Amino acid sequence: MLTMHGNRITFFGHATFRITTPSGKVAIIDPWLVTNPQCPESLKKVEKLDVMLITHGHHDHFADVLPLARQHKPMVVSINETAAWLESKGVVHTLGMGKGGTQRVGDIEVTMVHAVHSNSIDDDGQIIYGGEPAGFIIRLPGGPTIYHAGDTAAFGDMKLISELYAPEIALLPIGGHYTMDPREAALATRLLNVRHVVPMHYGTFPVLTGTPDALRQATKDIAGLEIHEMQPGDTLG
């Protein structure tokens, strides 16, 4: 059984999530809201934002970073090169970091971990190197510990993520083409040794053909595993 200790996780569609802590602090991971076809209209206007976590700079994870940063002035956590680009655009509260590093941001503690993908930023039509892509281990007040994998393939060091950080919930891409598909996400689930998985990054574009049902089939032998198929607008906790 998943216990959230008063924390809440809301799915905005694709790979965007909002975390709300018991004290009312709000963090958003990979904000793609306004042009995200999965995001409900009621969630496209953000009333409060204290922290942004950015796994990488591709449009479908990054499109609303600048407008939200300028409006709310949250603490923005990303890899150093992305933070430097944001600073060049006038973002004032950047917290650049590297993989393996940990920092406390408001109510949450964040560790940056590896992801197997790419990272670039579209700067008015010019492609800018954004540093390496990443995932995040997010420790919520009182628990649980969440792993947002970002965009990634399965990789063997997910076992190290399990051993070092013991996440209880994994937010895993399953769409395929740009990231893991359900078969690979099933292996990731085994390496991570988690009992709660939230599928993400599927169905938004035609090439993202992986489905939660396919993930269930590929993991049906894992005792006690719960696949939380969240619809955009759904909340855990």
Protein backbone atom coordinates (compact mmCIF):
# COMPACT_ATOMS: atom_id res chain seq x y z
CA MET A 1 0.00 0.00 0.00
CA LEU A 2 1.30 3.43 -0.97
CA THR A 3 1.48 5.92 1.90
CA MET A 4 2.06 9.55 0.91
CA HIS A 5 2.32 11.14 4.40
CA GLY A 6 0.31 14.15 3.31
CA ASN A 7 2.29 14.72 0.10
CA ARG A 8 0.48 14.80 -3.24
CA ILE A 9 1.63 14.06 -6.79
CA THR A 10 -0.51 15.38 -9.66
CA PHE A 11 -0.01 14.26 -13.26
CA PHE A 12 -0.28 16.98 -15.92
CA GLY A 13 0.26 14.61 -18.85
CA HIS A 14 3.35 13.42 -20.74
CA ALA A 15 6.21 13.77 -18.19
CA THR A 16 5.01 16.77 -16.17
CA PHE A 17 4.14 16.33 -12.50
CA ARG A 18 3.33 18.65 -9.62
CA ILE A 19 4.36 17.79 -6.07
CA THR A 20 2.55 19.49 -3.18
CA THR A 21 3.97 19.01 0.31
CA PRO A 22 1.94 19.08 3.54
CA SER A 23 3.13 22.65 4.22
CA GLY A 24 1.75 23.79 0.84
CA LYS A 25 5.04 24.10 -1.05
CA VAL A 26 4.69 23.34 -4.76
CA ALA A 27 7.26 21.81 -7.11
CA ILE A 28 6.79 21.06 -10.81
CA ILE A 29 8.92 18.56 -12.73
CA ASP A 30 9.55 19.19 -16.45
CA PRO A 31 6.88 21.86 -17.04
CA TRP A 32 5.11 21.47 -20.38
CA LEU A 33 1.64 22.89 -19.90
CA VAL A 34 0.27 25.41 -22.37
CA THR A 35 0.85 23.45 -25.59
CA ASN A 36 0.75 20.00 -23.99
CA PRO A 37 -2.22 18.24 -25.63
CA GLN A 38 -2.65 15.98 -22.58
CA CYS A 39 -2.67 18.74 -19.96
CA PRO A 40 -6.17 19.67 -18.71
CA GLU A 41 -7.10 23.32 -19.23
CA SER A 42 -7.63 23.71 -15.49
CA LEU A 43 -3.94 22.96 -14.85
CA LYS A 44 -2.41 25.18 -17.53
CA LYS A 45 -2.51 28.25 -15.28
CA VAL A 46 -0.14 27.84 -12.33
CA GLU A 47 -1.16 29.78 -9.24
CA LYS A 48 1.81 28.92 -7.02
CA LEU A 49 5.28 27.55 -7.73
CA ASP A 50 8.22 27.29 -5.35
CA VAL A 51 10.53 24.82 -7.11
CA MET A 52 11.10 23.59 -10.67
CA LEU A 53 13.03 20.42 -11.44
CA ILE A 54 14.29 20.05 -15.02
CA THR A 55 15.60 16.73 -16.33
CA HIS A 56 16.61 18.14 -19.73
CA GLY A 57 15.86 20.93 -22.17
CA HIS A 58 13.78 19.29 -24.91
CA HIS A 59 10.61 21.20 -25.70
CA ASP A 60 8.22 18.59 -24.30
CA HIS A 61 9.88 18.94 -20.87
CA PHE A 62 10.96 22.56 -20.95
CA ALA A 63 8.47 24.66 -22.93
CA ASP A 64 7.08 26.59 -19.96
CA VAL A 65 10.24 26.93 -17.89
CA LEU A 66 11.00 30.53 -18.82
CA PRO A 67 7.48 31.98 -18.44
CA LEU A 68 6.94 30.18 -15.13
CA ALA A 69 10.38 31.19 -13.83
CA ARG A 70 9.72 34.82 -14.70
CA GLN A 71 6.25 34.83 -13.19
CA HIS A 72 6.84 32.95 -9.95
CA LYS A 73 10.63 33.18 -9.43
CA PRO A 74 10.92 29.61 -8.10
CA MET A 75 14.17 27.84 -7.28
CA VAL A 76 15.12 26.06 -10.54
CA VAL A 77 17.12 22.83 -10.27
CA SER A 78 18.89 21.52 -13.36
CA ILE A 79 22.28 20.37 -14.59
CA ASN A 80 24.85 23.18 -14.66
CA GLU A 81 24.84 23.90 -18.39
CA THR A 82 21.07 24.26 -18.50
CA ALA A 83 21.23 26.49 -15.42
CA ALA A 84 23.79 28.70 -17.17
CA TRP A 85 21.48 29.08 -20.19
CA LEU A 86 18.59 29.99 -17.92
CA GLU A 87 20.73 32.59 -16.16
CA SER A 88 21.58 34.10 -19.57
CA LYS A 89 17.83 34.56 -20.07
CA GLY A 90 17.41 36.38 -16.75
CA VAL A 91 16.29 33.52 -14.50
CA VAL A 92 17.49 34.59 -11.06
CA HIS A 93 17.16 31.55 -8.80
CA THR A 94 19.04 28.72 -10.50
CA LEU A 95 20.49 25.80 -8.56
CA GLY A 96 22.74 24.03 -11.04
CA MET A 97 24.12 20.69 -9.97
CA GLY A 98 25.79 17.50 -11.20
CA LYS A 99 24.96 13.82 -11.12
CA GLY A 100 25.45 12.23 -7.73
CA GLY A 101 24.98 15.58 -6.03
CA THR A 102 22.25 16.24 -3.48
CA GLN A 103 20.71 19.50 -2.32
CA ARG A 104 17.76 20.56 -0.22
CA VAL A 105 15.29 22.87 -1.94
CA GLY A 106 12.54 24.08 0.34
CA ASP A 107 10.69 21.06 1.72
CA ILE A 108 12.32 18.46 -0.54
CA GLU A 109 15.74 16.90 -0.94
CA VAL A 110 16.88 16.25 -4.50
CA THR A 111 19.63 13.99 -5.86
CA MET A 112 20.51 14.15 -9.54
CA VAL A 113 21.10 10.76 -11.18
CA HIS A 114 22.01 9.46 -14.61
CA ALA A 115 19.74 9.19 -17.66
CA VAL A 116 20.57 7.79 -21.10
CA HIS A 117 19.23 10.33 -23.59
CA SER A 118 20.35 13.69 -25.02
CA ASN A 119 19.90 17.29 -23.92
CA SER A 120 19.57 20.39 -26.05
CA ILE A 121 17.68 23.67 -25.87
CA ASP A 122 15.97 25.41 -28.79
CA ASP A 123 17.13 29.03 -28.43
CA ASP A 124 15.13 30.93 -31.07
CA GLY A 125 15.85 28.28 -33.68
CA GLN A 126 19.44 27.62 -32.64
CA ILE A 127 20.16 24.30 -30.93
CA ILE A 128 22.17 24.87 -27.74
CA TYR A 129 23.96 22.15 -25.80
CA GLY A 130 22.22 21.78 -22.45
CA GLY A 131 24.63 19.50 -20.59
CA GLU A 132 23.81 15.87 -19.91
CA PRO A 133 20.25 14.65 -19.35
CA ALA A 134 19.35 13.51 -15.85
CA GLY A 135 16.82 11.92 -13.57
CA PHE A 136 15.94 12.93 -10.02
CA ILE A 137 15.59 11.18 -6.70
CA ILE A 138 13.12 13.30 -4.71
CA ARG A 139 12.74 12.76 -0.97
CA LEU A 140 9.45 14.18 0.26
CA PRO A 141 8.93 15.30 3.86
CA GLY A 142 8.02 12.19 5.85
CA GLY A 143 8.34 10.09 2.67
CA PRO A 144 7.98 8.59 0.17
CA THR A 145 11.08 8.77 -2.05
CA ILE A 146 10.29 9.25 -5.75
CA TYR A 147 12.44 8.53 -8.80
CA HIS A 148 11.59 10.62 -11.86
CA ALA A 149 13.62 8.93 -14.59
CA GLY A 150 13.39 11.76 -17.12
CA ASP A 151 13.77 10.53 -20.69
CA THR A 152 15.94 7.45 -20.62
CA ALA A 153 16.68 4.00 -21.88
CA ALA A 154 17.02 1.20 -19.36
CA PHE A 155 20.57 1.03 -18.01
CA GLY A 156 22.31 -1.30 -15.59
CA ASP A 157 23.11 1.37 -13.02
CA MET A 158 19.44 1.59 -12.16
CA LYS A 159 20.43 -1.17 -9.76
CA LEU A 160 22.80 1.31 -8.09
CA ILE A 161 19.95 3.82 -7.87
CA SER A 162 18.00 1.15 -6.00
CA GLU A 163 20.87 0.34 -3.67
CA LEU A 164 21.85 3.94 -2.95
CA TYR A 165 18.48 5.68 -2.77
CA ALA A 166 15.78 2.97 -2.41
CA PRO A 167 12.97 4.83 -4.22
CA GLU A 168 9.47 3.66 -3.44
CA ILE A 169 7.79 5.17 -6.51
CA ALA A 170 9.28 5.23 -10.02
CA LEU A 171 7.93 7.57 -12.70
CA LEU A 172 9.07 5.74 -15.84
CA PRO A 173 8.77 6.56 -19.54
CA ILE A 174 7.21 3.73 -21.53
CA GLY A 175 6.37 5.22 -24.93
CA GLY A 176 9.34 3.91 -26.89
CA HIS A 177 11.07 5.60 -29.87
CA TYR A 178 12.72 8.35 -27.79
CA THR A 179 12.82 6.43 -24.50
CA MET A 180 12.20 3.00 -22.99
CA ASP A 181 9.26 0.97 -24.19
CA PRO A 182 7.22 -1.28 -21.85
CA ARG A 183 9.60 -4.24 -22.20
CA GLU A 184 12.58 -2.12 -21.23
CA ALA A 185 10.62 -0.34 -18.50
CA ALA A 186 9.81 -3.76 -17.05
CA LEU A 187 13.53 -4.47 -16.77
CA ALA A 188 14.02 -1.04 -15.19
CA THR A 189 11.33 -1.89 -12.65
CA ARG A 190 13.22 -5.05 -11.70
CA LEU A 191 16.56 -3.24 -11.44
CA LEU A 192 15.01 -0.50 -9.30
CA ASN A 193 13.19 -3.01 -7.06
CA VAL A 194 10.24 -0.65 -6.69
CA ARG A 195 6.69 -1.68 -5.87
CA HIS A 196 4.94 1.39 -7.32
CA VAL A 197 5.36 2.55 -10.92
CA VAL A 198 3.69 5.49 -12.66
CA PRO A 199 3.97 5.19 -16.47
CA MET A 200 4.66 8.44 -18.33
CA HIS A 201 5.83 9.77 -21.70
CA TYR A 202 3.45 7.67 -23.81
CA GLY A 203 0.57 8.38 -26.18
CA THR A 204 1.33 12.07 -26.64
CA PHE A 205 2.69 11.62 -30.17
CA PRO A 206 1.90 8.80 -32.64
CA VAL A 207 5.37 7.28 -32.30
CA LEU A 208 4.97 6.84 -28.52
CA THR A 209 3.12 3.55 -28.79
CA GLY A 210 3.89 1.92 -25.43
CA THR A 211 0.94 1.43 -23.08
CA PRO A 212 0.40 0.76 -19.37
CA ASP A 213 -1.35 -2.50 -20.29
CA ALA A 214 1.79 -3.66 -22.09
CA LEU A 215 3.84 -2.75 -19.01
CA ARG A 216 1.44 -4.74 -16.81
CA GLN A 217 1.87 -7.77 -19.05
CA ALA A 218 5.65 -7.46 -18.96
CA THR A 219 5.69 -7.19 -15.15
CA LYS A 220 2.91 -9.59 -14.20
CA ASP A 221 5.42 -11.92 -12.53
CA ILE A 222 6.63 -9.23 -10.09
CA ALA A 223 4.89 -9.91 -6.80
CA GLY A 224 3.32 -6.91 -5.10
CA LEU A 225 3.95 -4.48 -7.96
CA GLU A 226 1.31 -1.80 -8.46
CA ILE A 227 1.10 0.09 -11.77
CA HIS A 228 -0.57 3.45 -11.15
CA GLU A 229 -2.08 4.41 -14.51
CA MET A 230 -2.67 8.12 -13.87
CA GLN A 231 -4.83 10.15 -16.20
CA PRO A 232 -3.91 13.81 -16.70
CA GLY A 233 -5.33 15.65 -13.70
CA ASP A 234 -5.16 12.62 -11.38
CA THR A 235 -3.47 12.91 -7.99
CA LEU A 236 -1.77 10.36 -5.73
CA GLY A 237 -2.17 11.20 -2.06
